[in-house]
C-alpha cells in the first residue's frame, strides 16, 4: 500500500508546488496592477496620455488575454509581454508621475516588483 501511495504523494507535491508558484505570480502581478491604479501617474500609450485607472484596466485586459494562453508564468513575463510596449504600435509605454519627466514603463514596473519582493521577505 505504501508503495502505491508514494507516487500519488509525489504528484500531489508537484501539483501543489506548481499551484503555489502560479498563485505567487498572480499575487505579484495583481499587486503591480493595483500599484499602477493607485499611483496617480499618467501612462502614455499609442500617442495619448491615460489615467492610472485607465492604464490598470488596459493592462488587466492584456494580462487576462495572455493568461488564457498560458504566456505569463511570472511577473517578469507579465512586464515584458503586457506592460512594456503597445502590441499595436510596438512603441514603449511611458509613465509620468507628479510632473516629472516620463520614463519607460518596464524599468518603472521592475523597480516596483523588486520593492514588493524585498518587503515580502
PDB file of N, CA and C in Angstrom:
ATOM      1  N   UNK A   1       0.825  -1.209   0.000  1.00  0.00           N
ATOM      2  CA  UNK A   1       0.000   0.000   0.000  1.00  0.00           C
ATOM      3  C   UNK A   1       0.858   1.258   0.000  1.00  0.00           C
ATOM      4  N   UNK A   2       1.898   1.288   0.840  1.00  0.00           N
ATOM      5  CA  UNK A   2       2.776   2.452   0.907  1.00  0.00           C
ATOM      6  C   UNK A   2       3.464   2.702  -0.420  1.00  0.00           C
ATOM      7  N   UNK A   3       3.780   1.636  -1.164  1.00  0.00           N
ATOM      8  CA  UNK A   3       4.432   1.772  -2.455  1.00  0.00           C
ATOM      9  C   UNK A   3       3.510   2.478  -3.449  1.00  0.00           C
ATOM     10  N   UNK A   4       2.248   2.160  -3.428  1.00  0.00           N
ATOM     11  CA  UNK A   4       1.291   2.791  -4.335  1.00  0.00           C
ATOM     12  C   UNK A   4       1.005   4.235  -3.939  1.00  0.00           C
ATOM     13  N   UNK A   5       1.065   4.521  -2.690  1.00  0.00           N
ATOM     14  CA  UNK A   5       0.794   5.860  -2.192  1.00  0.00           C
ATOM     15  C   UNK A   5       1.910   6.835  -2.534  1.00  0.00           C
ATOM     16  N   UNK A   6       3.127   6.371  -2.570  1.00  0.00           N
ATOM     17  CA  UNK A   6       4.268   7.250  -2.787  1.00  0.00           C
ATOM     18  C   UNK A   6       4.174   8.017  -4.108  1.00  0.00           C
ATOM     19  N   UNK A   7       3.910   7.368  -5.249  1.00  0.00           N
ATOM     20  CA  UNK A   7       3.778   8.141  -6.493  1.00  0.00           C
ATOM     21  C   UNK A   7       2.659   9.184  -6.426  1.00  0.00           C
ATOM     22  N   UNK A   8       1.571   8.814  -5.779  1.00  0.00           N
ATOM     23  CA  UNK A   8       0.462   9.759  -5.630  1.00  0.00           C
ATOM     24  C   UNK A   8       0.882  10.960  -4.797  1.00  0.00           C
ATOM     25  N   UNK A   9       1.581  10.712  -3.714  1.00  0.00           N
ATOM     26  CA  UNK A   9       2.061  11.812  -2.875  1.00  0.00           C
ATOM     27  C   UNK A   9       3.039  12.701  -3.633  1.00  0.00           C
ATOM     28  N   UNK A  10       3.890  12.086  -4.431  1.00  0.00           N
ATOM     29  CA  UNK A  10       4.839  12.869  -5.234  1.00  0.00           C
ATOM     30  C   UNK A  10       4.084  13.754  -6.218  1.00  0.00           C
ATOM     31  N   UNK A  11       3.084  13.199  -6.891  1.00  0.00           N
ATOM     32  CA  UNK A  11       2.287  14.003  -7.829  1.00  0.00           C
ATOM     33  C   UNK A  11       1.562  15.146  -7.125  1.00  0.00           C
ATOM     34  N   UNK A  12       1.020  14.872  -5.958  1.00  0.00           N
ATOM     35  CA  UNK A  12       0.351  15.928  -5.198  1.00  0.00           C
ATOM     36  C   UNK A  12       1.319  17.023  -4.789  1.00  0.00           C
ATOM     37  N   UNK A  13       2.516  16.637  -4.393  1.00  0.00           N
ATOM     38  CA  UNK A  13       3.529  17.616  -4.015  1.00  0.00           C
ATOM     39  C   UNK A  13       3.928  18.482  -5.202  1.00  0.00           C
ATOM     40  N   UNK A  14       4.132  17.850  -6.352  1.00  0.00           N
ATOM     41  CA  UNK A  14       4.485  18.593  -7.565  1.00  0.00           C
ATOM     42  C   UNK A  14       3.350  19.550  -7.941  1.00  0.00           C
ATOM     43  N   UNK A  15       2.126  19.072  -7.892  1.00  0.00           N
ATOM     44  CA  UNK A  15       0.975  19.910  -8.243  1.00  0.00           C
ATOM     45  C   UNK A  15       0.832  21.078  -7.284  1.00  0.00           C
ATOM     46  N   UNK A  16       1.011  20.830  -5.987  1.00  0.00           N
ATOM     47  CA  UNK A  16       0.870  21.927  -5.022  1.00  0.00           C
ATOM     48  C   UNK A  16       2.005  22.924  -5.164  1.00  0.00           C
ATOM     49  N   UNK A  17       3.189  22.469  -5.520  1.00  0.00           N
ATOM     50  CA  UNK A  17       4.310  23.382  -5.756  1.00  0.00           C
ATOM     51  C   UNK A  17       4.032  24.257  -6.973  1.00  0.00           C
ATOM     52  N   UNK A  18       3.550  23.640  -8.042  1.00  0.00           N
ATOM     53  CA  UNK A  18       3.215  24.407  -9.246  1.00  0.00           C
ATOM     54  C   UNK A  18       2.099  25.398  -8.961  1.00  0.00           C
ATOM     55  N   UNK A  19       1.084  24.967  -8.229  1.00  0.00           N
ATOM     56  CA  UNK A  19      -0.024  25.858  -7.874  1.00  0.00           C
ATOM     57  C   UNK A  19       0.476  27.018  -7.026  1.00  0.00           C
ATOM     58  N   UNK A  20       1.375  26.748  -6.098  1.00  0.00           N
ATOM     59  CA  UNK A  20       1.946  27.803  -5.265  1.00  0.00           C
ATOM     60  C   UNK A  20       2.699  28.822  -6.088  1.00  0.00           C
ATOM     61  N   UNK A  21       3.440  28.363  -7.086  1.00  0.00           N
ATOM     62  CA  UNK A  21       4.180  29.278  -7.953  1.00  0.00           C
ATOM     63  C   UNK A  21       3.209  30.137  -8.763  1.00  0.00           C
ATOM     64  N   UNK A  22       2.144  29.508  -9.265  1.00  0.00           N
ATOM     65  CA  UNK A  22       1.151  30.257 -10.027  1.00  0.00           C
ATOM     66  C   UNK A  22       0.472  31.296  -9.144  1.00  0.00           C
ATOM     67  N   UNK A  23       0.128  30.905  -7.950  1.00  0.00           N
ATOM     68  CA  UNK A  23      -0.518  31.819  -7.026  1.00  0.00           C
ATOM     69  C   UNK A  23       0.399  32.988  -6.680  1.00  0.00           C
ATOM     70  N   UNK A  24       1.672  32.704  -6.465  1.00  0.00           N
ATOM     71  CA  UNK A  24       2.649  33.750  -6.160  1.00  0.00           C
ATOM     72  C   UNK A  24       2.771  34.726  -7.336  1.00  0.00           C
ATOM     73  N   UNK A  25       2.837  34.183  -8.563  1.00  0.00           N
ATOM     74  CA  UNK A  25       2.943  35.032  -9.750  1.00  0.00           C
ATOM     75  C   UNK A  25       1.706  35.915  -9.886  1.00  0.00           C
ATOM     76  N   UNK A  26       0.531  35.297  -9.696  1.00  0.00           N
ATOM     77  CA  UNK A  26      -0.707  36.068  -9.792  1.00  0.00           C
ATOM     78  C   UNK A  26      -0.769  37.158  -8.731  1.00  0.00           C
ATOM     79  N   UNK A  27      -0.318  36.849  -7.530  1.00  0.00           N
ATOM     80  CA  UNK A  27      -0.323  37.843  -6.457  1.00  0.00           C
ATOM     81  C   UNK A  27       0.617  38.999  -6.777  1.00  0.00           C
ATOM     82  N   UNK A  28       1.784  38.686  -7.305  1.00  0.00           N
ATOM     83  CA  UNK A  28       2.727  39.754  -7.660  1.00  0.00           C
ATOM     84  C   UNK A  28       2.175  40.624  -8.781  1.00  0.00           C
ATOM     85  N   UNK A  29       1.579  40.002  -9.781  1.00  0.00           N
ATOM     86  CA  UNK A  29       1.017  40.762 -10.904  1.00  0.00           C
ATOM     87  C   UNK A  29      -0.158  41.608 -10.441  1.00  0.00           C
ATOM     88  N   UNK A  30      -1.007  41.041  -9.617  1.00  0.00           N
ATOM     89  CA  UNK A  30      -2.141  41.811  -9.085  1.00  0.00           C
ATOM     90  C   UNK A  30      -1.639  43.003  -8.274  1.00  0.00           C
ATOM     91  N   UNK A  31      -0.592  42.799  -7.485  1.00  0.00           N
ATOM     92  CA  UNK A  31      -0.030  43.905  -6.698  1.00  0.00           C
ATOM     93  C   UNK A  31       0.534  44.986  -7.614  1.00  0.00           C
ATOM     94  N   UNK A  32       1.181  44.594  -8.705  1.00  0.00           N
ATOM     95  CA  UNK A  32       1.696  45.582  -9.667  1.00  0.00           C
ATOM     96  C   UNK A  32       0.543  46.371 -10.285  1.00  0.00           C
ATOM     97  N   UNK A  33      -0.506  45.673 -10.672  1.00  0.00           N
ATOM     98  CA  UNK A  33      -1.646  46.352 -11.290  1.00  0.00           C
ATOM     99  C   UNK A  33      -2.350  47.283 -10.305  1.00  0.00           C
ATOM    100  N   UNK A  34      -2.436  46.873  -9.077  1.00  0.00           N
ATOM    101  CA  UNK A  34      -3.012  47.738  -8.049  1.00  0.00           C
ATOM    102  C   UNK A  34      -2.131  48.958  -7.833  1.00  0.00           C
ATOM    103  N   UNK A  35      -0.818  48.751  -7.836  1.00  0.00           N
ATOM    104  CA  UNK A  35       0.113  49.871  -7.697  1.00  0.00           C
ATOM    105  C   UNK A  35      -0.072  50.866  -8.844  1.00  0.00           C
ATOM    106  N   UNK A  36      -0.176  50.347 -10.068  1.00  0.00           N
ATOM    107  CA  UNK A  36      -0.399  51.219 -11.228  1.00  0.00           C
ATOM    108  C   UNK A  36      -1.672  52.024 -11.024  1.00  0.00           C
ATOM    109  N   UNK A  37      -2.739  51.349 -10.640  1.00  0.00           N
ATOM    110  CA  UNK A  37      -4.036  52.008 -10.486  1.00  0.00           C
ATOM    111  C   UNK A  37      -4.012  53.111  -9.431  1.00  0.00           C
ATOM    112  N   UNK A  38      -3.284  52.871  -8.342  1.00  0.00           N
ATOM    113  CA  UNK A  38      -3.257  53.837  -7.234  1.00  0.00           C
ATOM    114  C   UNK A  38      -2.109  54.830  -7.316  1.00  0.00           C
ATOM    115  N   UNK A  39      -1.288  54.730  -8.331  1.00  0.00           N
ATOM    116  CA  UNK A  39      -0.076  55.554  -8.417  1.00  0.00           C
ATOM    117  C   UNK A  39      -0.351  57.039  -8.617  1.00  0.00           C
ATOM    118  N   UNK A  40      -1.471  57.353  -9.267  1.00  0.00           N
ATOM    119  CA  UNK A  40      -1.741  58.745  -9.597  1.00  0.00           C
ATOM    120  C   UNK A  40      -0.925  59.239 -10.774  1.00  0.00           C
ATOM    121  N   UNK A  41      -0.162  58.340 -11.385  1.00  0.00           N
ATOM    122  CA  UNK A  41       0.672  58.702 -12.527  1.00  0.00           C
ATOM    123  C   UNK A  41      -0.146  58.661 -13.818  1.00  0.00           C
ATOM    124  N   UNK A  42       0.433  59.205 -14.850  1.00  0.00           N
ATOM    125  CA  UNK A  42      -0.166  59.147 -16.178  1.00  0.00           C
ATOM    126  C   UNK A  42       0.631  58.155 -17.016  1.00  0.00           C
ATOM    127  N   UNK A  43      -0.059  57.491 -17.931  1.00  0.00           N
ATOM    128  CA  UNK A  43       0.566  56.464 -18.747  1.00  0.00           C
ATOM    129  C   UNK A  43       0.354  56.776 -20.220  1.00  0.00           C
ATOM    130  N   UNK A  44       1.448  56.740 -20.949  1.00  0.00           N
ATOM    131  CA  UNK A  44       1.428  57.077 -22.374  1.00  0.00           C
ATOM    132  C   UNK A  44       1.400  55.796 -23.193  1.00  0.00           C
ATOM    133  N   UNK A  45       0.386  55.713 -24.038  1.00  0.00           N
ATOM    134  CA  UNK A  45       0.313  54.589 -24.966  1.00  0.00           C
ATOM    135  C   UNK A  45      -0.426  55.018 -26.214  1.00  0.00           C
ATOM    136  N   UNK A  46       0.131  54.597 -27.332  1.00  0.00           N
ATOM    137  CA  UNK A  46      -0.457  54.879 -28.650  1.00  0.00           C
ATOM    138  C   UNK A  46      -0.773  56.355 -28.868  1.00  0.00           C
ATOM    139  N   UNK A  47       0.159  57.209 -28.459  1.00  0.00           N
ATOM    140  CA  UNK A  47       0.040  58.627 -28.753  1.00  0.00           C
ATOM    141  C   UNK A  47      -0.790  59.446 -27.794  1.00  0.00           C
ATOM    142  N   UNK A  48      -1.277  58.839 -26.709  1.00  0.00           N
ATOM    143  CA  UNK A  48      -2.112  59.586 -25.763  1.00  0.00           C
ATOM    144  C   UNK A  48      -1.732  59.267 -24.331  1.00  0.00           C
ATOM    145  N   UNK A  49      -1.924  60.253 -23.448  1.00  0.00           N
ATOM    146  CA  UNK A  49      -1.732  60.045 -22.011  1.00  0.00           C
ATOM    147  C   UNK A  49      -3.047  59.549 -21.420  1.00  0.00           C
ATOM    148  N   UNK A  50      -2.936  58.569 -20.540  1.00  0.00           N
ATOM    149  CA  UNK A  50      -4.103  57.968 -19.905  1.00  0.00           C
ATOM    150  C   UNK A  50      -3.946  58.034 -18.390  1.00  0.00           C
ATOM    151  N   UNK A  51      -5.086  57.993 -17.700  1.00  0.00           N
ATOM    152  CA  UNK A  51      -5.051  57.988 -16.232  1.00  0.00           C
ATOM    153  C   UNK A  51      -4.509  56.646 -15.733  1.00  0.00           C
ATOM    154  N   UNK A  52      -4.132  56.633 -14.478  1.00  0.00           N
ATOM    155  CA  UNK A  52      -3.645  55.403 -13.850  1.00  0.00           C
ATOM    156  C   UNK A  52      -4.726  54.326 -13.864  1.00  0.00           C
ATOM    157  N   UNK A  53      -5.965  54.715 -13.627  1.00  0.00           N
ATOM    158  CA  UNK A  53      -7.070  53.755 -13.646  1.00  0.00           C
ATOM    159  C   UNK A  53      -7.252  53.159 -15.027  1.00  0.00           C
ATOM    160  N   UNK A  54      -7.216  54.005 -16.058  1.00  0.00           N
ATOM    161  CA  UNK A  54      -7.335  53.509 -17.432  1.00  0.00           C
ATOM    162  C   UNK A  54      -6.182  52.578 -17.785  1.00  0.00           C
ATOM    163  N   UNK A  55      -4.985  52.935 -17.343  1.00  0.00           N
ATOM    164  CA  UNK A  55      -3.809  52.104 -17.621  1.00  0.00           C
ATOM    165  C   UNK A  55      -3.944  50.742 -16.948  1.00  0.00           C
ATOM    166  N   UNK A  56      -4.381  50.742 -15.714  1.00  0.00           N
ATOM    167  CA  UNK A  56      -4.557  49.487 -14.991  1.00  0.00           C
ATOM    168  C   UNK A  56      -5.606  48.609 -15.675  1.00  0.00           C
ATOM    169  N   UNK A  57      -6.697  49.201 -16.078  1.00  0.00           N
ATOM    170  CA  UNK A  57      -7.757  48.459 -16.764  1.00  0.00           C
ATOM    171  C   UNK A  57      -7.224  47.850 -18.056  1.00  0.00           C
ATOM    172  N   UNK A  58      -6.480  48.631 -18.812  1.00  0.00           N
ATOM    173  CA  UNK A  58      -5.902  48.154 -20.069  1.00  0.00           C
ATOM    174  C   UNK A  58      -4.924  47.000 -19.821  1.00  0.00           C
ATOM    175  N   UNK A  59      -4.055  47.160 -18.831  1.00  0.00           N
ATOM    176  CA  UNK A  59      -3.068  46.122 -18.530  1.00  0.00           C
ATOM    177  C   UNK A  59      -3.739  44.856 -18.003  1.00  0.00           C
ATOM    178  N   UNK A  60      -4.810  45.001 -17.244  1.00  0.00           N
ATOM    179  CA  UNK A  60      -5.543  43.818 -16.768  1.00  0.00           C
ATOM    180  C   UNK A  60      -6.142  43.045 -17.939  1.00  0.00           C
ATOM    181  N   UNK A  61      -6.654  43.747 -18.934  1.00  0.00           N
ATOM    182  CA  UNK A  61      -7.199  43.080 -20.126  1.00  0.00           C
ATOM    183  C   UNK A  61      -6.097  42.322 -20.859  1.00  0.00           C
ATOM    184  N   UNK A  62      -4.945  42.970 -21.009  1.00  0.00           N
ATOM    185  CA  UNK A  62      -3.827  42.300 -21.671  1.00  0.00           C
ATOM    186  C   UNK A  62      -3.367  41.094 -20.855  1.00  0.00           C
ATOM    187  N   UNK A  63      -3.361  41.237 -19.545  1.00  0.00           N
ATOM    188  CA  UNK A  63      -2.958  40.137 -18.670  1.00  0.00           C
ATOM    189  C   UNK A  63      -3.903  38.953 -18.832  1.00  0.00           C
ATOM    190  N   UNK A  64      -5.209  39.197 -18.802  1.00  0.00           N
ATOM    191  CA  UNK A  64      -6.184  38.112 -18.967  1.00  0.00           C
ATOM    192  C   UNK A  64      -6.001  37.398 -20.309  1.00  0.00           C
ATOM    193  N   UNK A  65      -5.775  38.182 -21.354  1.00  0.00           N
ATOM    194  CA  UNK A  65      -5.559  37.614 -22.692  1.00  0.00           C
ATOM    195  C   UNK A  65      -4.344  36.685 -22.679  1.00  0.00           C
ATOM    196  N   UNK A  66      -3.233  37.150 -22.130  1.00  0.00           N
ATOM    197  CA  UNK A  66      -2.012  36.350 -22.076  1.00  0.00           C
ATOM    198  C   UNK A  66      -2.160  35.166 -21.125  1.00  0.00           C
ATOM    199  N   UNK A  67      -2.868  35.372 -20.043  1.00  0.00           N
ATOM    200  CA  UNK A  67      -3.080  34.316 -19.049  1.00  0.00           C
ATOM    201  C   UNK A  67      -3.869  33.154 -19.670  1.00  0.00           C
ATOM    202  N   UNK A  68      -4.860  33.463 -20.483  1.00  0.00           N
ATOM    203  CA  UNK A  68      -5.655  32.424 -21.144  1.00  0.00           C
ATOM    204  C   UNK A  68      -4.804  31.587 -22.091  1.00  0.00           C
ATOM    205  N   UNK A  69      -3.704  32.151 -22.553  1.00  0.00           N
ATOM    206  CA  UNK A  69      -2.810  31.453 -23.470  1.00  0.00           C
ATOM    207  C   UNK A  69      -1.565  30.909 -22.762  1.00  0.00           C
ATOM    208  N   UNK A  70      -1.594  31.000 -21.417  1.00  0.00           N
ATOM    209  CA  UNK A  70      -0.501  30.490 -20.583  1.00  0.00           C
ATOM    210  C   UNK A  70       0.837  31.131 -20.956  1.00  0.00           C
ATOM    211  N   UNK A  71       0.820  32.464 -21.167  1.00  0.00           N
ATOM    212  CA  UNK A  71       2.023  33.184 -21.589  1.00  0.00           C
ATOM    213  C   UNK A  71       2.608  34.090 -20.515  1.00  0.00           C
ATOM    214  N   UNK A  72       2.072  34.007 -19.287  1.00  0.00           N
ATOM    215  CA  UNK A  72       2.604  34.834 -18.198  1.00  0.00           C
ATOM    216  C   UNK A  72       2.894  33.954 -16.977  1.00  0.00           C
ATOM    217  N   UNK A  73       4.000  33.209 -17.024  1.00  0.00           N
ATOM    218  CA  UNK A  73       4.313  32.326 -15.907  1.00  0.00           C
ATOM    219  C   UNK A  73       4.749  33.057 -14.646  1.00  0.00           C
ATOM    220  N   UNK A  74       5.165  34.322 -14.798  1.00  0.00           N
ATOM    221  CA  UNK A  74       5.620  35.091 -13.635  1.00  0.00           C
ATOM    222  C   UNK A  74       5.476  36.585 -13.917  1.00  0.00           C
ATOM    223  N   UNK A  75       5.770  37.382 -12.903  1.00  0.00           N
ATOM    224  CA  UNK A  75       5.599  38.838 -13.015  1.00  0.00           C
ATOM    225  C   UNK A  75       6.541  39.453 -14.040  1.00  0.00           C
ATOM    226  N   UNK A  76       7.749  38.904 -14.169  1.00  0.00           N
ATOM    227  CA  UNK A  76       8.680  39.432 -15.172  1.00  0.00           C
ATOM    228  C   UNK A  76       8.155  39.217 -16.586  1.00  0.00           C
ATOM    229  N   UNK A  77       7.542  38.071 -16.836  1.00  0.00           N
ATOM    230  CA  UNK A  77       6.943  37.812 -18.143  1.00  0.00           C
ATOM    231  C   UNK A  77       5.769  38.756 -18.388  1.00  0.00           C
ATOM    232  N   UNK A  78       5.001  39.023 -17.336  1.00  0.00           N
ATOM    233  CA  UNK A  78       3.897  39.976 -17.475  1.00  0.00           C
ATOM    234  C   UNK A  78       4.423  41.347 -17.898  1.00  0.00           C
ATOM    235  N   UNK A  79       5.465  41.807 -17.225  1.00  0.00           N
ATOM    236  CA  UNK A  79       6.032  43.117 -17.568  1.00  0.00           C
ATOM    237  C   UNK A  79       6.509  43.106 -19.015  1.00  0.00           C
ATOM    238  N   UNK A  80       7.254  42.085 -19.389  1.00  0.00           N
ATOM    239  CA  UNK A  80       7.823  42.013 -20.736  1.00  0.00           C
ATOM    240  C   UNK A  80       6.758  41.897 -21.823  1.00  0.00           C
ATOM    241  N   UNK A  81       5.733  41.095 -21.578  1.00  0.00           N
ATOM    242  CA  UNK A  81       4.753  40.804 -22.633  1.00  0.00           C
ATOM    243  C   UNK A  81       3.539  41.722 -22.646  1.00  0.00           C
ATOM    244  N   UNK A  82       3.212  42.321 -21.502  1.00  0.00           N
ATOM    245  CA  UNK A  82       1.973  43.102 -21.437  1.00  0.00           C
ATOM    246  C   UNK A  82       2.187  44.561 -21.103  1.00  0.00           C
ATOM    247  N   UNK A  83       3.218  44.879 -20.327  1.00  0.00           N
ATOM    248  CA  UNK A  83       3.308  46.220 -19.753  1.00  0.00           C
ATOM    249  C   UNK A  83       4.502  47.031 -20.237  1.00  0.00           C
ATOM    250  N   UNK A  84       5.141  46.584 -21.299  1.00  0.00           N
ATOM    251  CA  UNK A  84       6.335  47.267 -21.794  1.00  0.00           C
ATOM    252  C   UNK A  84       6.053  48.146 -23.005  1.00  0.00           C
ATOM    253  N   UNK A  85       5.264  47.599 -23.928  1.00  0.00           N
ATOM    254  CA  UNK A  85       5.033  48.316 -25.186  1.00  0.00           C
ATOM    255  C   UNK A  85       3.660  47.964 -25.738  1.00  0.00           C
ATOM    256  N   UNK A  86       3.210  48.806 -26.639  1.00  0.00           N
ATOM    257  CA  UNK A  86       1.939  48.589 -27.301  1.00  0.00           C
ATOM    258  C   UNK A  86       2.049  47.401 -28.251  1.00  0.00           C
ATOM    259  N   UNK A  87       1.088  46.512 -28.176  1.00  0.00           N
ATOM    260  CA  UNK A  87       1.072  45.394 -29.114  1.00  0.00           C
ATOM    261  C   UNK A  87       0.583  45.848 -30.488  1.00  0.00           C
ATOM    262  N   UNK A  88       0.033  47.050 -30.554  1.00  0.00           N
ATOM    263  CA  UNK A  88      -0.434  47.596 -31.830  1.00  0.00           C
ATOM    264  C   UNK A  88       0.697  48.336 -32.541  1.00  0.00           C
ATOM    265  N   UNK A  89       1.290  49.308 -31.854  1.00  0.00           N
ATOM    266  CA  UNK A  89       2.316  50.139 -32.486  1.00  0.00           C
ATOM    267  C   UNK A  89       3.738  49.664 -32.209  1.00  0.00           C
ATOM    268  N   UNK A  90       3.922  48.875 -31.146  1.00  0.00           N
ATOM    269  CA  UNK A  90       5.265  48.440 -30.768  1.00  0.00           C
ATOM    270  C   UNK A  90       6.043  49.492 -29.992  1.00  0.00           C
ATOM    271  N   UNK A  91       5.441  50.668 -29.813  1.00  0.00           N
ATOM    272  CA  UNK A  91       6.122  51.746 -29.094  1.00  0.00           C
ATOM    273  C   UNK A  91       6.057  51.502 -27.592  1.00  0.00           C
ATOM    274  N   UNK A  92       7.149  51.856 -26.882  1.00  0.00           N
ATOM    275  CA  UNK A  92       7.177  51.627 -25.432  1.00  0.00           C
ATOM    276  C   UNK A  92       6.134  52.472 -24.713  1.00  0.00           C
ATOM    277  N   UNK A  93       5.556  51.866 -23.673  1.00  0.00           N
ATOM    278  CA  UNK A  93       4.700  52.621 -22.773  1.00  0.00           C
ATOM    279  C   UNK A  93       5.590  53.516 -21.921  1.00  0.00           C
ATOM    280  N   UNK A  94       5.036  54.662 -21.540  1.00  0.00           N
ATOM    281  CA  UNK A  94       5.764  55.587 -20.669  1.00  0.00           C
ATOM    282  C   UNK A  94       4.900  55.929 -19.462  1.00  0.00           C
ATOM    283  N   UNK A  95       5.587  56.335 -18.402  1.00  0.00           N
ATOM    284  CA  UNK A  95       4.921  56.707 -17.158  1.00  0.00           C
ATOM    285  C   UNK A  95       5.412  58.095 -16.767  1.00  0.00           C
ATOM    286  N   UNK A  96       4.479  58.935 -16.348  1.00  0.00           N
ATOM    287  CA  UNK A  96       4.833  60.291 -15.889  1.00  0.00           C
ATOM    288  C   UNK A  96       4.129  60.529 -14.557  1.00  0.00           C
ATOM    289  N   UNK A  97       4.939  60.743 -13.524  1.00  0.00           N
ATOM    290  CA  UNK A  97       4.402  60.924 -12.178  1.00  0.00           C
ATOM    291  C   UNK A  97       4.728  62.314 -11.643  1.00  0.00           C
ATOM    292  N   UNK A  98       3.739  62.963 -11.082  1.00  0.00           N
ATOM    293  CA  UNK A  98       3.906  64.257 -10.399  1.00  0.00           C
ATOM    294  C   UNK A  98       4.701  65.269 -11.213  1.00  0.00           C
ATOM    295  N   UNK A  99       4.437  65.337 -12.497  1.00  0.00           N
ATOM    296  CA  UNK A  99       5.083  66.328 -13.347  1.00  0.00           C
ATOM    297  C   UNK A  99       6.535  66.030 -13.691  1.00  0.00           C
ATOM    298  N   UNK A 100       7.056  64.902 -13.240  1.00  0.00           N
ATOM    299  CA  UNK A 100       8.437  64.514 -13.572  1.00  0.00           C
ATOM    300  C   UNK A 100       8.509  64.104 -15.039  1.00  0.00           C
ATOM    301  N   UNK A 101       9.712  64.021 -15.550  1.00  0.00           N
ATOM    302  CA  UNK A 101       9.902  63.594 -16.933  1.00  0.00           C
ATOM    303  C   UNK A 101       9.409  62.149 -17.094  1.00  0.00           C
ATOM    304  N   UNK A 102       8.827  61.839 -18.241  1.00  0.00           N
ATOM    305  CA  UNK A 102       8.351  60.476 -18.469  1.00  0.00           C
ATOM    306  C   UNK A 102       9.507  59.462 -18.478  1.00  0.00           C
ATOM    307  N   UNK A 103       9.205  58.264 -18.015  1.00  0.00           N
ATOM    308  CA  UNK A 103      10.158  57.148 -18.058  1.00  0.00           C
ATOM    309  C   UNK A 103       9.446  55.962 -18.700  1.00  0.00           C
ATOM    310  N   UNK A 104      10.223  55.036 -19.240  1.00  0.00           N
ATOM    311  CA  UNK A 104       9.610  53.845 -19.822  1.00  0.00           C
ATOM    312  C   UNK A 104       9.003  52.994 -18.712  1.00  0.00           C
ATOM    313  N   UNK A 105       7.910  52.353 -19.022  1.00  0.00           N
ATOM    314  CA  UNK A 105       7.168  51.597 -18.015  1.00  0.00           C
ATOM    315  C   UNK A 105       7.913  50.361 -17.522  1.00  0.00           C
ATOM    316  N   UNK A 106       8.675  49.700 -18.380  1.00  0.00           N
ATOM    317  CA  UNK A 106       9.327  48.438 -17.976  1.00  0.00           C
ATOM    318  C   UNK A 106      10.252  48.626 -16.776  1.00  0.00           C
ATOM    319  N   UNK A 107      11.226  49.545 -16.818  1.00  0.00           N
ATOM    320  CA  UNK A 107      12.087  49.701 -15.642  1.00  0.00           C
ATOM    321  C   UNK A 107      11.317  50.215 -14.422  1.00  0.00           C
ATOM    322  N   UNK A 108      10.313  51.022 -14.641  1.00  0.00           N
ATOM    323  CA  UNK A 108       9.494  51.550 -13.547  1.00  0.00           C
ATOM    324  C   UNK A 108       8.780  50.403 -12.841  1.00  0.00           C
ATOM    325  N   UNK A 109       8.179  49.498 -13.610  1.00  0.00           N
ATOM    326  CA  UNK A 109       7.478  48.361 -13.023  1.00  0.00           C
ATOM    327  C   UNK A 109       8.440  47.348 -12.407  1.00  0.00           C
ATOM    328  N   UNK A 110       9.594  47.135 -13.037  1.00  0.00           N
ATOM    329  CA  UNK A 110      10.587  46.210 -12.477  1.00  0.00           C
ATOM    330  C   UNK A 110      11.086  46.703 -11.125  1.00  0.00           C
ATOM    331  N   UNK A 111      11.274  48.001 -10.997  1.00  0.00           N
ATOM    332  CA  UNK A 111      11.703  48.573  -9.715  1.00  0.00           C
ATOM    333  C   UNK A 111      10.630  48.346  -8.654  1.00  0.00           C
ATOM    334  N   UNK A 112       9.366  48.523  -9.021  1.00  0.00           N
ATOM    335  CA  UNK A 112       8.272  48.287  -8.073  1.00  0.00           C
ATOM    336  C   UNK A 112       8.209  46.820  -7.690  1.00  0.00           C
ATOM    337  N   UNK A 113       8.394  45.933  -8.642  1.00  0.00           N
ATOM    338  CA  UNK A 113       8.380  44.498  -8.368  1.00  0.00           C
ATOM    339  C   UNK A 113       9.490  44.125  -7.380  1.00  0.00           C
ATOM    340  N   UNK A 114      10.668  44.686  -7.568  1.00  0.00           N
ATOM    341  CA  UNK A 114      11.772  44.417  -6.638  1.00  0.00           C
ATOM    342  C   UNK A 114      11.458  44.926  -5.239  1.00  0.00           C
ATOM    343  N   UNK A 115      10.847  46.098  -5.149  1.00  0.00           N
ATOM    344  CA  UNK A 115      10.446  46.627  -3.830  1.00  0.00           C
ATOM    345  C   UNK A 115       9.429  45.706  -3.176  1.00  0.00           C
ATOM    346  N   UNK A 116       8.475  45.228  -3.948  1.00  0.00           N
ATOM    347  CA  UNK A 116       7.459  44.308  -3.412  1.00  0.00           C
ATOM    348  C   UNK A 116       8.115  43.038  -2.881  1.00  0.00           C
ATOM    349  N   UNK A 117       9.045  42.514  -3.649  1.00  0.00           N
ATOM    350  CA  UNK A 117       9.696  41.259  -3.256  1.00  0.00           C
ATOM    351  C   UNK A 117      10.546  41.452  -2.004  1.00  0.00           C
ATOM    352  N   UNK A 118      11.227  42.584  -1.903  1.00  0.00           N
ATOM    353  CA  UNK A 118      12.037  42.854  -0.710  1.00  0.00           C
ATOM    354  C   UNK A 118      11.167  43.025   0.516  1.00  0.00           C
ATOM    355  N   UNK A 119      10.043  43.679   0.371  1.00  0.00           N
ATOM    356  CA  UNK A 119       9.169  43.896   1.537  1.00  0.00           C
ATOM    357  C   UNK A 119       8.473  42.604   1.956  1.00  0.00           C
ATOM    358  N   UNK A 120       8.350  41.651   1.032  1.00  0.00           N
ATOM    359  CA  UNK A 120       7.703  40.379   1.347  1.00  0.00           C
ATOM    360  C   UNK A 120       8.640  39.433   2.115  1.00  0.00           C
ATOM    361  N   UNK A 121       9.923  39.720   2.106  1.00  0.00           N
ATOM    362  CA  UNK A 121      10.890  38.833   2.792  1.00  0.00           C
ATOM    363  C   UNK A 121      10.814  38.974   4.274  1.00  0.00           C
TER     364      UNK A 121
END
